[in-house]
Each structure stands twice: as structure tokens, then as C-alpha cells.
Amino acid sequence: MDLDAELSALAAQDDLPHDLVRRLLQHPGARRSAALLRRDLTDELIAEIIEFGSVRTLAANPSVPARIRARFAEHPEPAVRCAVAASTRDEPLGLLARRATDTDPSVRSFLAMNEHLPTELLACLATDSENSVRLSVIQHWCDAPDDVRRMLLMDADPAIRRDSVRAYAPPADLLPGLLADPATRAATVAYTVPTPELAADPDSTVREAVAAHPELPPGLRDLLAGDEDIFVRNAIAARADTPPALREQLVATMEPGDPLAEWILSLRRGTHTCPPPDPTSPNRSRQQAESLLAEAGL
């Protein structure tokens, strides 16, 4: 671990004396770590962090006193209000409701991520005029009620409809329309019976969805194994019911020549290996911390 990383880790150490935390605030990385992660920041340390200009990071720390976070919620910079909106509780009462009507849509989008947000405010955000806000609701409100889901599945914006189908199981009466909609056709395949027509769809994302369908008949599986699209063939290779010999044959045809594409393909087949995590820095004694600070000139 390099010196900058060690200083950042030290700044988040639970039992670190405040006088050492104060010295660490002079280091940008350590300051961000302290501002975001420490649960014992005093008013004096908070004031110094603000003076250094790290308000946005500090606003994302849920352990900062409510009275200070309430100030951040009215900050002129949208990025600071976003940080508050994403994680704060409704302290003082009405803080979250005010952010639901924030003039900046990014703040309302971040608000939809807040696990403390009451359902009535989420329902309000689900009707927001900005697409980005409604998309954030879909991504973070997994247990949205049926009326909200239906509304989003029938949204005027294609991206909203597409993401809604990916997030929510559509009711049966909406399936024909969603399957006919180019924006939602691929995502709707999972809720329908695979057919030869779908397996021959001109849209490769539809064919890929058919290839991944859990009830895909062997005949369609073998047909899609010869598909011209590499991601369709990869979906067949990833199936548990694909014969080993066919899987080996398919994998042998997959040489995208692009490291990112290869990573995506191997990830979908479940053969990607993540690198080992970086080693964690052990807690340091005061003497060890002083030595590290001296090495950094702090």
C-alpha cells in the first residue's frame, strides 16, 4: 500500500486521536476519508473540513449531526444537496420533502436512492417530469406498488418502459403491448414462451434474451448456437443445459479482440475471476501513526 493510501486508511481509523485527525486533514485523500467515514467528527473538525472545501464529501457522511446536515441540504451547490438527499433521515422534519421539490433534477434523482425515503415521496418522484428521476425510482424502489409499476411500464419515454420491464414483472394484460414495443421487446422475452419467431428476431438483443430463457427448448438452443451474434452464442454457452461439447465449440469461436468485450463475455458465462482485494491496513498505534505522519511531512 502506498503512502497516500495508508494516510487515507489512517484517517478512517476508529480510535485515532483527534489531534492526529486534524493533522491528516492537510492531506487531500486523508481529508476525504475522514470527512466521509469518521463517526466522531467534532464541530471543530467539521469546520476545518468545510474550510478546506470538502463540503460535498462531508455532506455524504450520515454521522454528521442533523443540525449541520440540515444546513447542507440548503447549500447552493447541487452536488452538496445531492449528497445529503441520498442518505439523510428526515431531520429536521420536512427536509426530505423539500428536496423532493428541489429545482435541480440531479438532487431529486439522488433522493430516490435514500433508503429512509417514505413511500409517499417515492410515489411523487415516480411522476417527476424528468426522466432521470423516474429512472432512479425504478432502480431503487424494488417493491413499488402495482399502480406505480403499471404507470412506469406505460411511460411515454422508451427508456423508462425498458427499465421498468427489467425491474418489475409486467401484468399479463400489458405483455402483448410490451412485446410489440421495440424498446421493451427484449426485456419482455423473459416473461413469455420462447418461439421460433422470437429466436429469429432481427434485433440481436431479443435473440440473446431468448438464448438465456430458462425454458428454451433444445431445438431453439441448438439453432441459436449458430447465431451470427457473439453475445447470442455466449448466452447459449452460459446455459447449464448446453452440452459440454457444444459449449467448448462455442467458446472457441469467441475471440472479440477487445479486452472489455472478453471480460463481459466471461462474466456472463461465470468464468471471470476477480483479482484479489487490496490488503487492508492494520490499526496503528499512536507512535506508528506519528511516524507515518512524519514521513508524509504532516
C-alpha atoms as a PDB file:
ATOM      1  CA  MET A   1       0.000   0.000   0.000  1.00  0.00           C
ATOM      2  CA  ASP A   2       1.443   3.374  -0.998  1.00  0.00           C
ATOM      3  CA  LEU A   3       1.773   6.338   1.342  1.00  0.00           C
ATOM      4  CA  ASP A   4      -1.341   8.153   0.117  1.00  0.00           C
ATOM      5  CA  ALA A   5      -3.477   5.033   0.604  1.00  0.00           C
ATOM      6  CA  GLU A   6      -2.005   4.459   4.076  1.00  0.00           C
ATOM      7  CA  LEU A   7      -2.836   8.036   5.096  1.00  0.00           C
ATOM      8  CA  SER A   8      -6.405   7.647   3.840  1.00  0.00           C
ATOM      9  CA  ALA A   9      -6.806   4.407   5.779  1.00  0.00           C
ATOM     10  CA  LEU A  10      -5.341   6.004   8.907  1.00  0.00           C
ATOM     11  CA  ALA A  11      -7.812   8.902   8.657  1.00  0.00           C
ATOM     12  CA  ALA A  12     -10.706   6.435   8.991  1.00  0.00           C
ATOM     13  CA  GLN A  13      -9.214   4.512  11.946  1.00  0.00           C
ATOM     14  CA  ASP A  14     -11.812   4.485  14.715  1.00  0.00           C
ATOM     15  CA  ASP A  15      -9.601   5.115  17.722  1.00  0.00           C
ATOM     16  CA  LEU A  16      -7.338   7.744  16.167  1.00  0.00           C
ATOM     17  CA  PRO A  17      -6.864  10.771  18.477  1.00  0.00           C
ATOM     18  CA  HIS A  18      -8.433  13.977  17.196  1.00  0.00           C
ATOM     19  CA  ASP A  19      -5.158  15.876  17.172  1.00  0.00           C
ATOM     20  CA  LEU A  20      -3.804  13.382  14.643  1.00  0.00           C
ATOM     21  CA  VAL A  21      -7.028  13.560  12.609  1.00  0.00           C
ATOM     22  CA  ARG A  22      -6.567  17.330  12.437  1.00  0.00           C
ATOM     23  CA  ARG A  23      -3.078  16.940  11.014  1.00  0.00           C
ATOM     24  CA  LEU A  24      -4.346  14.449   8.449  1.00  0.00           C
ATOM     25  CA  LEU A  25      -6.856  16.991   7.146  1.00  0.00           C
ATOM     26  CA  GLN A  26      -3.979  18.686   5.338  1.00  0.00           C
ATOM     27  CA  HIS A  27      -3.737  15.666   3.021  1.00  0.00           C
ATOM     28  CA  PRO A  28      -6.496  15.638   0.332  1.00  0.00           C
ATOM     29  CA  GLY A  29      -7.052  11.883   0.285  1.00  0.00           C
ATOM     30  CA  ALA A  30      -6.965  11.531   4.054  1.00  0.00           C
ATOM     31  CA  ARG A  31      -9.302  14.514   4.393  1.00  0.00           C
ATOM     32  CA  ARG A  32     -11.847  12.894   2.076  1.00  0.00           C
ATOM     33  CA  SER A  33     -11.606   9.663   4.040  1.00  0.00           C
ATOM     34  CA  ALA A  34     -12.120  11.425   7.366  1.00  0.00           C
ATOM     35  CA  ALA A  35     -14.957  13.576   6.022  1.00  0.00           C
ATOM     36  CA  LEU A  36     -16.838  10.602   4.625  1.00  0.00           C
ATOM     37  CA  LEU A  37     -16.155   7.813   7.121  1.00  0.00           C
ATOM     38  CA  ARG A  38     -15.446   9.143  10.591  1.00  0.00           C
ATOM     39  CA  ARG A  39     -18.306   8.922  13.078  1.00  0.00           C
ATOM     40  CA  ASP A  40     -16.715  11.099  15.756  1.00  0.00           C
ATOM     41  CA  LEU A  41     -16.151  14.386  13.961  1.00  0.00           C
ATOM     42  CA  THR A  42     -16.358  17.321  16.357  1.00  0.00           C
ATOM     43  CA  ASP A  43     -17.725  20.728  15.417  1.00  0.00           C
ATOM     44  CA  GLU A  44     -14.140  21.984  15.217  1.00  0.00           C
ATOM     45  CA  LEU A  45     -13.052  19.219  12.826  1.00  0.00           C
ATOM     46  CA  ILE A  46     -16.186  19.721  10.715  1.00  0.00           C
ATOM     47  CA  ALA A  47     -15.444  23.449  10.492  1.00  0.00           C
ATOM     48  CA  GLU A  48     -11.884  22.723   9.335  1.00  0.00           C
ATOM     49  CA  ILE A  49     -13.080  20.247   6.702  1.00  0.00           C
ATOM     50  CA  ILE A  50     -15.508  22.857   5.402  1.00  0.00           C
ATOM     51  CA  GLU A  51     -12.735  25.441   5.372  1.00  0.00           C
ATOM     52  CA  PHE A  52     -10.637  23.085   3.237  1.00  0.00           C
ATOM     53  CA  GLY A  53     -13.527  22.871   0.735  1.00  0.00           C
ATOM     54  CA  SER A  54     -14.623  19.242   1.270  1.00  0.00           C
ATOM     55  CA  VAL A  55     -18.272  20.049   1.972  1.00  0.00           C
ATOM     56  CA  ARG A  56     -19.612  17.625  -0.625  1.00  0.00           C
ATOM     57  CA  THR A  57     -17.814  14.648   0.908  1.00  0.00           C
ATOM     58  CA  LEU A  58     -18.788  15.698   4.405  1.00  0.00           C
ATOM     59  CA  ALA A  59     -22.445  16.001   3.375  1.00  0.00           C
ATOM     60  CA  ALA A  60     -22.443  12.301   2.421  1.00  0.00           C
ATOM     61  CA  ASN A  61     -21.389  11.230   5.938  1.00  0.00           C
ATOM     62  CA  PRO A  62     -24.559  10.038   7.736  1.00  0.00           C
ATOM     63  CA  SER A  63     -22.880  10.513  11.127  1.00  0.00           C
ATOM     64  CA  VAL A  64     -22.630  14.289  10.799  1.00  0.00           C
ATOM     65  CA  PRO A  65     -25.085  15.932  13.259  1.00  0.00           C
ATOM     66  CA  ALA A  66     -28.561  16.562  11.860  1.00  0.00           C
ATOM     67  CA  ARG A  67     -28.346  20.300  12.512  1.00  0.00           C
ATOM     68  CA  ILE A  68     -25.303  20.532  10.230  1.00  0.00           C
ATOM     69  CA  ARG A  69     -26.747  18.260   7.549  1.00  0.00           C
ATOM     70  CA  ALA A  70     -29.843  20.470   7.520  1.00  0.00           C
ATOM     71  CA  ARG A  71     -27.568  23.369   6.557  1.00  0.00           C
ATOM     72  CA  PHE A  72     -26.001  21.289   3.807  1.00  0.00           C
ATOM     73  CA  ALA A  73     -29.472  20.447   2.469  1.00  0.00           C
ATOM     74  CA  GLU A  74     -29.916  24.113   1.557  1.00  0.00           C
ATOM     75  CA  HIS A  75     -26.392  24.526   0.143  1.00  0.00           C
ATOM     76  CA  PRO A  76     -26.177  26.499  -3.140  1.00  0.00           C
ATOM     77  CA  GLU A  77     -24.176  23.736  -4.849  1.00  0.00           C
ATOM     78  CA  PRO A  78     -26.412  20.927  -6.204  1.00  0.00           C
ATOM     79  CA  ALA A  79     -23.663  18.340  -5.629  1.00  0.00           C
ATOM     80  CA  VAL A  80     -23.772  19.029  -1.885  1.00  0.00           C
ATOM     81  CA  ARG A  81     -27.564  18.787  -1.809  1.00  0.00           C
ATOM     82  CA  CYS A  82     -27.286  15.513  -3.758  1.00  0.00           C
ATOM     83  CA  ALA A  83     -25.008  14.040  -1.097  1.00  0.00           C
ATOM     84  CA  VAL A  84     -27.479  14.980   1.625  1.00  0.00           C
ATOM     85  CA  ALA A  85     -30.512  13.808  -0.337  1.00  0.00           C
ATOM     86  CA  ALA A  86     -29.076  10.336  -0.904  1.00  0.00           C
ATOM     87  CA  SER A  87     -28.562   9.369   2.725  1.00  0.00           C
ATOM     88  CA  THR A  88     -30.059  11.705   5.318  1.00  0.00           C
ATOM     89  CA  ARG A  89     -33.007  10.959   7.584  1.00  0.00           C
ATOM     90  CA  ASP A  90     -35.894  13.395   7.812  1.00  0.00           C
ATOM     91  CA  GLU A  91     -34.200  15.564  10.447  1.00  0.00           C
ATOM     92  CA  PRO A  92     -35.496  18.157  10.891  1.00  0.00           C
ATOM     93  CA  LEU A  93     -38.951  17.050   9.794  1.00  0.00           C
ATOM     94  CA  GLY A  94     -39.710  18.182   6.235  1.00  0.00           C
ATOM     95  CA  LEU A  95     -36.113  18.138   4.982  1.00  0.00           C
ATOM     96  CA  LEU A  96     -36.759  15.254   2.561  1.00  0.00           C
ATOM     97  CA  ALA A  97     -39.995  16.770   1.264  1.00  0.00           C
ATOM     98  CA  ARG A  98     -38.135  19.965   0.372  1.00  0.00           C
ATOM     99  CA  ARG A  99     -35.543  18.005  -1.578  1.00  0.00           C
ATOM    100  CA  ALA A 100     -38.350  16.247  -3.475  1.00  0.00           C
ATOM    101  CA  THR A 101     -39.172  19.644  -4.976  1.00  0.00           C
ATOM    102  CA  ASP A 102     -35.545  20.727  -5.456  1.00  0.00           C
ATOM    103  CA  THR A 103     -35.069  22.773  -8.615  1.00  0.00           C
ATOM    104  CA  ASP A 104     -32.140  20.599  -9.710  1.00  0.00           C
ATOM    105  CA  PRO A 105     -33.233  17.178 -11.069  1.00  0.00           C
ATOM    106  CA  SER A 106     -29.958  15.550 -10.003  1.00  0.00           C
ATOM    107  CA  VAL A 107     -30.896  16.217  -6.369  1.00  0.00           C
ATOM    108  CA  ARG A 108     -34.279  14.568  -6.877  1.00  0.00           C
ATOM    109  CA  SER A 109     -32.566  11.613  -8.566  1.00  0.00           C
ATOM    110  CA  PHE A 110     -30.239  11.161  -5.600  1.00  0.00           C
ATOM    111  CA  LEU A 111     -33.187  11.478  -3.243  1.00  0.00           C
ATOM    112  CA  ALA A 112     -34.763   8.391  -4.829  1.00  0.00           C
ATOM    113  CA  MET A 113     -31.704   6.414  -3.641  1.00  0.00           C
ATOM    114  CA  ASN A 114     -32.398   7.287   0.001  1.00  0.00           C
ATOM    115  CA  GLU A 115     -33.398   4.191   1.974  1.00  0.00           C
ATOM    116  CA  HIS A 116     -35.106   6.409   4.551  1.00  0.00           C
ATOM    117  CA  LEU A 117     -37.455   7.962   1.992  1.00  0.00           C
ATOM    118  CA  PRO A 118     -41.158   7.393   2.777  1.00  0.00           C
ATOM    119  CA  THR A 119     -43.275   5.742   0.090  1.00  0.00           C
ATOM    120  CA  GLU A 120     -45.389   8.854  -0.465  1.00  0.00           C
ATOM    121  CA  LEU A 121     -42.305  10.783  -1.575  1.00  0.00           C
ATOM    122  CA  LEU A 122     -41.132   7.910  -3.766  1.00  0.00           C
ATOM    123  CA  ALA A 123     -44.562   7.872  -5.401  1.00  0.00           C
ATOM    124  CA  CYS A 124     -44.216  11.598  -6.011  1.00  0.00           C
ATOM    125  CA  LEU A 125     -40.795  11.127  -7.609  1.00  0.00           C
ATOM    126  CA  ALA A 126     -42.209   8.348  -9.809  1.00  0.00           C
ATOM    127  CA  THR A 127     -44.299  11.031 -11.541  1.00  0.00           C
ATOM    128  CA  ASP A 128     -41.425  13.516 -11.833  1.00  0.00           C
ATOM    129  CA  SER A 129     -41.193  15.393 -15.129  1.00  0.00           C
ATOM    130  CA  GLU A 130     -37.507  14.489 -15.519  1.00  0.00           C
ATOM    131  CA  ASN A 131     -36.721  11.068 -16.992  1.00  0.00           C
ATOM    132  CA  SER A 132     -33.561  10.738 -14.889  1.00  0.00           C
ATOM    133  CA  VAL A 133     -35.601  10.999 -11.702  1.00  0.00           C
ATOM    134  CA  ARG A 134     -38.110   8.357 -12.752  1.00  0.00           C
ATOM    135  CA  LEU A 135     -35.243   6.068 -13.803  1.00  0.00           C
ATOM    136  CA  SER A 136     -33.698   6.456 -10.357  1.00  0.00           C
ATOM    137  CA  VAL A 137     -37.024   5.485  -8.769  1.00  0.00           C
ATOM    138  CA  ILE A 138     -37.154   2.318 -10.883  1.00  0.00           C
ATOM    139  CA  GLN A 139     -33.608   1.383  -9.926  1.00  0.00           C
ATOM    140  CA  HIS A 140     -34.135   1.860  -6.202  1.00  0.00           C
ATOM    141  CA  TRP A 141     -37.813   1.119  -5.452  1.00  0.00           C
ATOM    142  CA  CYS A 142     -37.895  -2.640  -5.877  1.00  0.00           C
ATOM    143  CA  ASP A 143     -41.182  -3.087  -4.015  1.00  0.00           C
ATOM    144  CA  ALA A 144     -43.116  -0.318  -5.744  1.00  0.00           C
ATOM    145  CA  PRO A 145     -46.890  -0.946  -5.612  1.00  0.00           C
ATOM    146  CA  ASP A 146     -48.762  -2.265  -8.629  1.00  0.00           C
ATOM    147  CA  ASP A 147     -50.258   1.074  -9.643  1.00  0.00           C
ATOM    148  CA  VAL A 148     -46.826   2.723  -9.735  1.00  0.00           C
ATOM    149  CA  ARG A 149     -45.329  -0.189 -11.682  1.00  0.00           C
ATOM    150  CA  ARG A 150     -48.136  -0.086 -14.230  1.00  0.00           C
ATOM    151  CA  MET A 151     -47.709   3.653 -14.667  1.00  0.00           C
ATOM    152  CA  LEU A 152     -43.958   3.297 -15.282  1.00  0.00           C
ATOM    153  CA  LEU A 153     -44.415   0.322 -17.621  1.00  0.00           C
ATOM    154  CA  MET A 154     -46.688   2.531 -19.735  1.00  0.00           C
ATOM    155  CA  ASP A 155     -44.481   5.639 -19.534  1.00  0.00           C
ATOM    156  CA  ALA A 156     -44.145   7.813 -22.632  1.00  0.00           C
ATOM    157  CA  ASP A 157     -40.355   7.542 -22.552  1.00  0.00           C
ATOM    158  CA  PRO A 158     -38.898   4.341 -24.110  1.00  0.00           C
ATOM    159  CA  ALA A 159     -36.025   4.157 -21.623  1.00  0.00           C
ATOM    160  CA  ILE A 160     -38.446   4.291 -18.697  1.00  0.00           C
ATOM    161  CA  ARG A 161     -40.550   1.492 -20.174  1.00  0.00           C
ATOM    162  CA  ARG A 162     -37.451  -0.616 -20.881  1.00  0.00           C
ATOM    163  CA  ASP A 163     -36.002  -0.270 -17.399  1.00  0.00           C
ATOM    164  CA  SER A 164     -39.419  -0.858 -15.830  1.00  0.00           C
ATOM    165  CA  VAL A 165     -39.729  -4.226 -17.586  1.00  0.00           C
ATOM    166  CA  ARG A 166     -36.244  -5.123 -16.367  1.00  0.00           C
ATOM    167  CA  ALA A 167     -37.154  -4.172 -12.794  1.00  0.00           C
ATOM    168  CA  TYR A 168     -40.764  -5.328 -12.470  1.00  0.00           C
ATOM    169  CA  ALA A 169     -42.678  -8.367 -13.667  1.00  0.00           C
ATOM    170  CA  PRO A 170     -45.330  -6.943 -16.022  1.00  0.00           C
ATOM    171  CA  PRO A 171     -49.007  -7.812 -15.513  1.00  0.00           C
ATOM    172  CA  ALA A 172     -50.393 -10.240 -18.094  1.00  0.00           C
ATOM    173  CA  ASP A 173     -52.594  -7.676 -19.837  1.00  0.00           C
ATOM    174  CA  LEU A 174     -49.579  -5.489 -20.681  1.00  0.00           C
ATOM    175  CA  LEU A 175     -47.413  -8.283 -22.116  1.00  0.00           C
ATOM    176  CA  PRO A 176     -48.659  -8.127 -25.731  1.00  0.00           C
ATOM    177  CA  GLY A 177     -48.038  -4.387 -25.980  1.00  0.00           C
ATOM    178  CA  LEU A 178     -44.631  -4.637 -24.309  1.00  0.00           C
ATOM    179  CA  LEU A 179     -43.607  -7.488 -26.594  1.00  0.00           C
ATOM    180  CA  ALA A 180     -44.610  -5.418 -29.631  1.00  0.00           C
ATOM    181  CA  ASP A 181     -42.694  -2.367 -28.394  1.00  0.00           C
ATOM    182  CA  PRO A 182     -39.119  -2.241 -29.788  1.00  0.00           C
ATOM    183  CA  ALA A 183     -37.926  -0.570 -26.585  1.00  0.00           C
ATOM    184  CA  THR A 184     -39.247  -3.335 -24.302  1.00  0.00           C
ATOM    185  CA  ARG A 185     -39.336  -6.400 -26.557  1.00  0.00           C
ATOM    186  CA  ALA A 186     -36.009  -7.882 -25.417  1.00  0.00           C
ATOM    187  CA  ALA A 187     -36.720  -7.358 -21.721  1.00  0.00           C
ATOM    188  CA  THR A 188     -40.230  -8.825 -22.074  1.00  0.00           C
ATOM    189  CA  VAL A 189     -38.932 -12.091 -23.547  1.00  0.00           C
ATOM    190  CA  ALA A 190     -38.230 -13.387 -20.033  1.00  0.00           C
ATOM    191  CA  TYR A 191     -41.971 -13.309 -19.258  1.00  0.00           C
ATOM    192  CA  THR A 192     -43.100 -15.093 -22.427  1.00  0.00           C
ATOM    193  CA  VAL A 193     -42.767 -18.507 -24.027  1.00  0.00           C
ATOM    194  CA  PRO A 194     -39.769 -18.736 -26.410  1.00  0.00           C
ATOM    195  CA  THR A 195     -40.878 -19.101 -30.007  1.00  0.00           C
ATOM    196  CA  PRO A 196     -39.104 -19.588 -33.349  1.00  0.00           C
ATOM    197  CA  GLU A 197     -40.263 -16.090 -34.316  1.00  0.00           C
ATOM    198  CA  LEU A 198     -38.513 -14.554 -31.324  1.00  0.00           C
ATOM    199  CA  ALA A 199     -35.395 -16.672 -31.943  1.00  0.00           C
ATOM    200  CA  ALA A 200     -35.281 -15.229 -35.476  1.00  0.00           C
ATOM    201  CA  ASP A 201     -35.921 -11.621 -34.445  1.00  0.00           C
ATOM    202  CA  PRO A 202     -33.766  -9.116 -36.353  1.00  0.00           C
ATOM    203  CA  ASP A 203     -32.779  -7.476 -33.037  1.00  0.00           C
ATOM    204  CA  SER A 204     -29.823  -9.394 -31.578  1.00  0.00           C
ATOM    205  CA  THR A 205     -30.719  -8.308 -28.032  1.00  0.00           C
ATOM    206  CA  VAL A 206     -34.065 -10.083 -28.436  1.00  0.00           C
ATOM    207  CA  ARG A 207     -32.328 -13.244 -29.661  1.00  0.00           C
ATOM    208  CA  GLU A 208     -29.867 -13.002 -26.753  1.00  0.00           C
ATOM    209  CA  ALA A 209     -32.791 -12.798 -24.324  1.00  0.00           C
ATOM    210  CA  VAL A 210     -34.335 -15.877 -25.959  1.00  0.00           C
ATOM    211  CA  ALA A 211     -30.993 -17.683 -25.679  1.00  0.00           C
ATOM    212  CA  ALA A 212     -30.959 -17.006 -21.932  1.00  0.00           C
ATOM    213  CA  HIS A 213     -34.594 -18.006 -21.336  1.00  0.00           C
ATOM    214  CA  PRO A 214     -34.827 -20.746 -18.667  1.00  0.00           C
ATOM    215  CA  GLU A 215     -37.468 -22.661 -20.667  1.00  0.00           C
ATOM    216  CA  LEU A 216     -35.680 -22.581 -24.016  1.00  0.00           C
ATOM    217  CA  PRO A 217     -36.405 -25.790 -25.968  1.00  0.00           C
ATOM    218  CA  PRO A 218     -33.364 -27.810 -27.120  1.00  0.00           C
ATOM    219  CA  GLY A 219     -34.229 -27.174 -30.760  1.00  0.00           C
ATOM    220  CA  LEU A 220     -34.104 -23.396 -30.360  1.00  0.00           C
ATOM    221  CA  ARG A 221     -30.980 -23.705 -28.224  1.00  0.00           C
ATOM    222  CA  ASP A 222     -29.185 -25.540 -30.993  1.00  0.00           C
ATOM    223  CA  LEU A 223     -30.471 -23.062 -33.574  1.00  0.00           C
ATOM    224  CA  LEU A 224     -29.195 -20.058 -31.602  1.00  0.00           C
ATOM    225  CA  ALA A 225     -25.836 -21.775 -31.077  1.00  0.00           C
ATOM    226  CA  GLY A 226     -25.175 -20.913 -34.718  1.00  0.00           C
ATOM    227  CA  ASP A 227     -26.257 -17.287 -34.423  1.00  0.00           C
ATOM    228  CA  GLU A 228     -24.078 -14.686 -36.095  1.00  0.00           C
ATOM    229  CA  ASP A 229     -24.006 -12.529 -32.949  1.00  0.00           C
ATOM    230  CA  ILE A 230     -21.260 -13.382 -30.458  1.00  0.00           C
ATOM    231  CA  PHE A 231     -23.362 -12.377 -27.449  1.00  0.00           C
ATOM    232  CA  VAL A 232     -26.193 -14.674 -28.509  1.00  0.00           C
ATOM    233  CA  ARG A 233     -23.784 -17.591 -28.840  1.00  0.00           C
ATOM    234  CA  ASN A 234     -22.259 -16.647 -25.495  1.00  0.00           C
ATOM    235  CA  ALA A 235     -25.702 -16.815 -23.850  1.00  0.00           C
ATOM    236  CA  ILE A 236     -26.069 -20.354 -25.175  1.00  0.00           C
ATOM    237  CA  ALA A 237     -22.585 -21.244 -23.854  1.00  0.00           C
ATOM    238  CA  ALA A 238     -23.601 -19.926 -20.435  1.00  0.00           C
ATOM    239  CA  ARG A 239     -26.631 -22.212 -20.155  1.00  0.00           C
ATOM    240  CA  ALA A 240     -26.457 -25.091 -17.680  1.00  0.00           C
ATOM    241  CA  ASP A 241     -28.293 -27.374 -20.138  1.00  0.00           C
ATOM    242  CA  THR A 242     -25.871 -26.780 -23.011  1.00  0.00           C
ATOM    243  CA  PRO A 243     -23.931 -29.993 -23.730  1.00  0.00           C
ATOM    244  CA  PRO A 244     -20.233 -29.660 -22.783  1.00  0.00           C
ATOM    245  CA  ALA A 245     -19.044 -30.395 -26.312  1.00  0.00           C
ATOM    246  CA  LEU A 246     -21.269 -27.660 -27.751  1.00  0.00           C
ATOM    247  CA  ARG A 247     -20.121 -25.231 -25.045  1.00  0.00           C
ATOM    248  CA  GLU A 248     -16.465 -25.859 -25.860  1.00  0.00           C
ATOM    249  CA  GLN A 249     -17.194 -25.393 -29.548  1.00  0.00           C
ATOM    250  CA  LEU A 250     -18.947 -22.075 -28.886  1.00  0.00           C
ATOM    251  CA  VAL A 251     -16.261 -20.711 -26.570  1.00  0.00           C
ATOM    252  CA  ALA A 252     -13.667 -21.489 -29.223  1.00  0.00           C
ATOM    253  CA  THR A 253     -15.467 -19.097 -31.608  1.00  0.00           C
ATOM    254  CA  MET A 254     -15.383 -16.184 -29.165  1.00  0.00           C
ATOM    255  CA  GLU A 255     -12.369 -14.009 -29.830  1.00  0.00           C
ATOM    256  CA  PRO A 256     -13.714 -10.442 -29.776  1.00  0.00           C
ATOM    257  CA  GLY A 257     -10.250  -8.875 -29.861  1.00  0.00           C
ATOM    258  CA  ASP A 258     -11.371  -6.398 -27.223  1.00  0.00           C
ATOM    259  CA  PRO A 259     -10.423  -6.944 -23.536  1.00  0.00           C
ATOM    260  CA  LEU A 260     -13.640  -5.301 -22.357  1.00  0.00           C
ATOM    261  CA  ALA A 261     -15.810  -7.468 -24.601  1.00  0.00           C
ATOM    262  CA  GLU A 262     -13.912 -10.576 -23.474  1.00  0.00           C
ATOM    263  CA  TRP A 263     -14.477  -9.584 -19.839  1.00  0.00           C
ATOM    264  CA  ILE A 264     -18.226  -9.164 -20.464  1.00  0.00           C
ATOM    265  CA  LEU A 265     -18.444 -12.499 -22.235  1.00  0.00           C
ATOM    266  CA  SER A 266     -16.584 -14.379 -19.497  1.00  0.00           C
ATOM    267  CA  LEU A 267     -18.615 -12.634 -16.811  1.00  0.00           C
ATOM    268  CA  ARG A 268     -21.878 -13.786 -18.372  1.00  0.00           C
ATOM    269  CA  ARG A 269     -20.549 -17.343 -18.630  1.00  0.00           C
ATOM    270  CA  GLY A 270     -19.486 -17.213 -14.992  1.00  0.00           C
ATOM    271  CA  THR A 271     -15.834 -17.865 -15.825  1.00  0.00           C
ATOM    272  CA  HIS A 272     -14.457 -14.443 -14.916  1.00  0.00           C
ATOM    273  CA  THR A 273     -12.032 -14.361 -11.987  1.00  0.00           C
ATOM    274  CA  CYS A 274     -11.888 -11.199  -9.903  1.00  0.00           C
ATOM    275  CA  PRO A 275      -8.466 -10.018  -8.725  1.00  0.00           C
ATOM    276  CA  PRO A 276      -7.751 -10.446  -5.021  1.00  0.00           C
ATOM    277  CA  PRO A 277      -8.760  -7.487  -2.846  1.00  0.00           C
ATOM    278  CA  ASP A 278      -6.135  -4.983  -1.819  1.00  0.00           C
ATOM    279  CA  PRO A 279      -4.633  -5.718   1.590  1.00  0.00           C
ATOM    280  CA  THR A 280      -6.211  -3.750   4.427  1.00  0.00           C
ATOM    281  CA  SER A 281      -4.066  -1.514   6.579  1.00  0.00           C
ATOM    282  CA  PRO A 282      -3.875  -2.631  10.227  1.00  0.00           C
ATOM    283  CA  ASN A 283      -4.759  -0.235  13.029  1.00  0.00           C
ATOM    284  CA  ARG A 284      -1.728   1.792  14.017  1.00  0.00           C
ATOM    285  CA  SER A 285      -0.581   2.781  17.447  1.00  0.00           C
ATOM    286  CA  ARG A 286      -0.038   6.465  18.162  1.00  0.00           C
ATOM    287  CA  GLN A 287       3.677   6.019  17.685  1.00  0.00           C
ATOM    288  CA  GLN A 288       3.185   4.297  14.325  1.00  0.00           C
ATOM    289  CA  ALA A 289       0.710   6.981  13.245  1.00  0.00           C
ATOM    290  CA  GLU A 290       3.136   9.736  14.225  1.00  0.00           C
ATOM    291  CA  SER A 291       5.851   8.032  12.200  1.00  0.00           C
ATOM    292  CA  LEU A 292       3.587   7.854   9.133  1.00  0.00           C
ATOM    293  CA  LEU A 293       2.611  11.499   9.507  1.00  0.00           C
ATOM    294  CA  ALA A 294       6.260  12.497   9.792  1.00  0.00           C
ATOM    295  CA  GLU A 295       7.066  10.529   6.628  1.00  0.00           C
ATOM    296  CA  ALA A 296       4.340  12.492   4.820  1.00  0.00           C
ATOM    297  CA  GLY A 297       5.538  15.808   6.232  1.00  0.00           C
ATOM    298  CA  LEU A 298       2.281  16.427   8.123  1.00  0.00           C
END
